[in-house]
N, C-alpha and C. Protein backbone atom coordinates (compact mmCIF):
# COMPACT_ATOMS: atom_id res chain seq x y z
N MET A 1 0.83 -1.19 0.00
CA MET A 1 0.00 0.00 0.00
C MET A 1 0.87 1.25 0.00
N ASN A 2 2.01 1.21 0.71
CA ASN A 2 2.86 2.39 0.78
C ASN A 2 3.34 2.84 -0.60
N GLY A 3 3.69 1.87 -1.44
CA GLY A 3 4.13 2.19 -2.80
C GLY A 3 3.02 2.85 -3.61
N LEU A 4 1.82 2.34 -3.50
CA LEU A 4 0.67 2.91 -4.20
C LEU A 4 0.40 4.33 -3.74
N LEU A 5 0.43 4.54 -2.43
CA LEU A 5 0.20 5.89 -1.89
C LEU A 5 1.28 6.86 -2.36
N LYS A 6 2.53 6.41 -2.37
CA LYS A 6 3.63 7.27 -2.80
C LYS A 6 3.49 7.64 -4.28
N ARG A 7 3.17 6.66 -5.12
CA ARG A 7 2.98 6.94 -6.55
C ARG A 7 1.82 7.91 -6.77
N ALA A 8 0.73 7.73 -6.03
CA ALA A 8 -0.42 8.61 -6.16
C ALA A 8 -0.08 10.02 -5.70
N LEU A 9 0.70 10.13 -4.65
CA LEU A 9 1.13 11.45 -4.17
C LEU A 9 1.97 12.14 -5.23
N GLU A 10 2.92 11.43 -5.83
CA GLU A 10 3.81 12.02 -6.83
C GLU A 10 3.09 12.38 -8.13
N SER A 11 2.13 11.56 -8.54
CA SER A 11 1.45 11.77 -9.82
C SER A 11 0.17 12.58 -9.72
N GLY A 12 -0.39 12.69 -8.50
CA GLY A 12 -1.67 13.38 -8.34
C GLY A 12 -2.86 12.51 -8.73
N GLU A 13 -2.62 11.20 -8.89
CA GLU A 13 -3.68 10.27 -9.28
C GLU A 13 -4.76 10.17 -8.20
N ILE A 14 -6.00 10.09 -8.63
CA ILE A 14 -7.13 9.90 -7.73
C ILE A 14 -7.27 8.40 -7.44
N LEU A 15 -7.45 8.06 -6.17
CA LEU A 15 -7.63 6.67 -5.76
C LEU A 15 -9.03 6.48 -5.20
N GLU A 16 -9.48 5.25 -5.21
CA GLU A 16 -10.72 4.92 -4.51
C GLU A 16 -10.40 3.87 -3.47
N MET A 17 -11.09 3.96 -2.35
CA MET A 17 -10.80 3.00 -1.29
C MET A 17 -12.07 2.64 -0.53
N ILE A 18 -12.00 1.47 0.07
CA ILE A 18 -13.01 1.02 1.02
C ILE A 18 -12.35 1.19 2.38
N TYR A 19 -13.00 1.94 3.26
CA TYR A 19 -12.40 2.31 4.54
C TYR A 19 -13.35 1.95 5.68
N LEU A 20 -12.78 1.42 6.73
CA LEU A 20 -13.55 1.09 7.93
C LEU A 20 -13.28 2.17 8.97
N SER A 21 -14.30 2.95 9.30
CA SER A 21 -14.12 4.05 10.26
C SER A 21 -13.96 3.50 11.67
N ASP A 22 -13.55 4.37 12.57
CA ASP A 22 -13.41 3.98 13.98
C ASP A 22 -14.76 3.60 14.59
N LYS A 23 -15.84 3.99 13.94
CA LYS A 23 -17.19 3.63 14.40
C LYS A 23 -17.70 2.37 13.71
N ASN A 24 -16.78 1.62 13.08
CA ASN A 24 -17.10 0.38 12.36
C ASN A 24 -18.07 0.58 11.21
N GLN A 25 -17.98 1.70 10.53
CA GLN A 25 -18.81 1.95 9.36
C GLN A 25 -17.95 1.84 8.11
N LEU A 26 -18.42 1.07 7.13
CA LEU A 26 -17.72 0.95 5.86
C LEU A 26 -18.08 2.13 4.97
N THR A 27 -17.07 2.73 4.36
CA THR A 27 -17.32 3.82 3.42
C THR A 27 -16.51 3.60 2.16
N HIS A 28 -17.05 4.06 1.05
CA HIS A 28 -16.36 4.03 -0.24
C HIS A 28 -16.01 5.47 -0.56
N ARG A 29 -14.72 5.75 -0.73
CA ARG A 29 -14.29 7.13 -0.91
C ARG A 29 -13.35 7.26 -2.10
N LYS A 30 -13.39 8.41 -2.72
CA LYS A 30 -12.39 8.79 -3.72
C LYS A 30 -11.52 9.83 -3.05
N ILE A 31 -10.20 9.67 -3.18
CA ILE A 31 -9.27 10.52 -2.46
C ILE A 31 -8.11 10.95 -3.35
N LYS A 32 -7.46 12.04 -2.93
CA LYS A 32 -6.21 12.49 -3.54
C LYS A 32 -5.21 12.64 -2.40
N VAL A 33 -4.14 11.86 -2.42
CA VAL A 33 -3.16 11.82 -1.34
C VAL A 33 -2.39 13.15 -1.26
N ILE A 34 -2.27 13.67 -0.03
CA ILE A 34 -1.57 14.94 0.21
C ILE A 34 -0.25 14.71 0.95
N GLU A 35 -0.27 13.87 2.00
CA GLU A 35 0.92 13.57 2.79
C GLU A 35 0.83 12.13 3.28
N ILE A 36 2.00 11.52 3.48
CA ILE A 36 2.06 10.15 3.98
C ILE A 36 2.91 10.13 5.24
N TYR A 37 2.37 9.50 6.28
CA TYR A 37 3.07 9.32 7.55
C TYR A 37 3.28 7.83 7.79
N SER A 38 3.87 7.45 8.90
CA SER A 38 4.16 6.03 9.13
C SER A 38 2.90 5.17 9.24
N ASP A 39 1.92 5.59 10.04
CA ASP A 39 0.71 4.78 10.24
C ASP A 39 -0.55 5.39 9.63
N THR A 40 -0.45 6.61 9.14
CA THR A 40 -1.61 7.31 8.59
C THR A 40 -1.21 8.03 7.30
N PHE A 41 -2.21 8.59 6.63
CA PHE A 41 -1.95 9.47 5.51
C PHE A 41 -3.06 10.50 5.44
N ARG A 42 -2.71 11.66 4.90
CA ARG A 42 -3.68 12.74 4.76
C ARG A 42 -4.05 12.84 3.30
N ALA A 43 -5.34 12.96 3.04
CA ALA A 43 -5.82 13.00 1.66
C ALA A 43 -7.05 13.89 1.56
N LEU A 44 -7.22 14.48 0.40
CA LEU A 44 -8.44 15.22 0.12
C LEU A 44 -9.51 14.18 -0.17
N CYS A 45 -10.57 14.19 0.62
CA CYS A 45 -11.68 13.25 0.47
C CYS A 45 -12.77 13.93 -0.35
N PHE A 46 -13.11 13.35 -1.49
CA PHE A 46 -14.12 13.94 -2.35
C PHE A 46 -15.54 13.72 -1.82
N VAL A 47 -15.71 12.78 -0.89
CA VAL A 47 -17.02 12.58 -0.25
C VAL A 47 -17.27 13.71 0.75
N ARG A 48 -16.30 13.99 1.59
CA ARG A 48 -16.43 15.04 2.62
C ARG A 48 -16.05 16.42 2.11
N ARG A 49 -15.37 16.46 0.95
CA ARG A 49 -14.92 17.72 0.34
C ARG A 49 -13.96 18.49 1.23
N GLN A 50 -13.10 17.75 1.92
CA GLN A 50 -12.09 18.38 2.77
C GLN A 50 -10.97 17.38 3.05
N PRO A 51 -9.80 17.88 3.45
CA PRO A 51 -8.71 16.96 3.81
C PRO A 51 -9.08 16.15 5.05
N ARG A 52 -8.69 14.88 5.04
CA ARG A 52 -8.95 13.98 6.16
C ARG A 52 -7.69 13.16 6.43
N ILE A 53 -7.57 12.67 7.65
CA ILE A 53 -6.47 11.77 7.99
C ILE A 53 -7.04 10.37 8.11
N PHE A 54 -6.41 9.43 7.40
CA PHE A 54 -6.87 8.05 7.38
C PHE A 54 -5.80 7.15 8.00
N LYS A 55 -6.24 6.17 8.77
CA LYS A 55 -5.33 5.17 9.34
C LYS A 55 -5.10 4.09 8.28
N LYS A 56 -3.85 3.79 8.02
CA LYS A 56 -3.54 2.75 7.04
C LYS A 56 -4.16 1.42 7.45
N SER A 57 -4.20 1.14 8.74
CA SER A 57 -4.73 -0.13 9.23
C SER A 57 -6.24 -0.26 8.99
N ASN A 58 -6.94 0.83 8.73
CA ASN A 58 -8.38 0.79 8.50
C ASN A 58 -8.74 0.74 7.02
N VAL A 59 -7.75 0.78 6.15
CA VAL A 59 -8.00 0.69 4.70
C VAL A 59 -8.18 -0.78 4.35
N LEU A 60 -9.37 -1.12 3.84
CA LEU A 60 -9.65 -2.50 3.47
C LEU A 60 -9.27 -2.79 2.02
N SER A 61 -9.40 -1.77 1.17
CA SER A 61 -9.08 -1.91 -0.24
C SER A 61 -8.75 -0.52 -0.79
N ILE A 62 -7.74 -0.44 -1.65
CA ILE A 62 -7.38 0.84 -2.25
C ILE A 62 -6.76 0.59 -3.61
N GLY A 63 -7.06 1.47 -4.56
CA GLY A 63 -6.49 1.33 -5.90
C GLY A 63 -6.92 2.49 -6.77
N PRO A 64 -6.44 2.49 -8.02
CA PRO A 64 -6.83 3.54 -8.96
C PRO A 64 -8.34 3.50 -9.19
N VAL A 65 -8.91 4.65 -9.51
CA VAL A 65 -10.34 4.72 -9.80
C VAL A 65 -10.63 3.84 -11.01
N ARG A 66 -11.60 2.95 -10.85
CA ARG A 66 -11.97 2.05 -11.94
C ARG A 66 -12.90 2.76 -12.91
N LYS A 67 -12.73 2.42 -14.16
CA LYS A 67 -13.66 2.92 -15.18
C LYS A 67 -14.95 2.12 -15.05
N LYS A 68 -16.07 2.80 -15.16
CA LYS A 68 -17.35 2.09 -15.08
C LYS A 68 -17.62 1.39 -16.41
N PHE A 69 -18.10 0.16 -16.30
CA PHE A 69 -18.44 -0.62 -17.49
C PHE A 69 -19.77 -0.13 -18.04
N ARG A 70 -19.77 0.16 -19.34
CA ARG A 70 -21.03 0.54 -19.98
C ARG A 70 -21.50 -0.62 -20.85
N GLU A 71 -22.74 -1.02 -20.67
CA GLU A 71 -23.28 -2.12 -21.44
C GLU A 71 -23.28 -1.74 -22.91
N GLY A 72 -22.82 -2.65 -23.74
CA GLY A 72 -22.79 -2.41 -25.18
C GLY A 72 -21.55 -1.67 -25.66
N ALA A 73 -20.65 -1.34 -24.75
CA ALA A 73 -19.42 -0.65 -25.14
C ALA A 73 -18.49 -1.63 -25.81
N ALA A 74 -17.74 -1.13 -26.78
CA ALA A 74 -16.77 -1.98 -27.49
C ALA A 74 -15.64 -2.35 -26.57
N SER A 75 -15.13 -3.58 -26.69
CA SER A 75 -14.02 -4.02 -25.84
C SER A 75 -12.71 -3.66 -26.43
């Protein structure tokens, strides 16, 4: 995960992640990484529209934003 976060920070790539909050709520977020620390990272959260700090241990899944599949689209 650290490599992915570092690449996203350097390139400005938007990531999407599944995150488990401290209140045990699952959320799906699109983020732009701003800073990386040892156990956390700070990112602009497009859901909350503000910078947030996320615990790396609470990230269940993270990766580049997937393109949505359109039915009937050419492969």
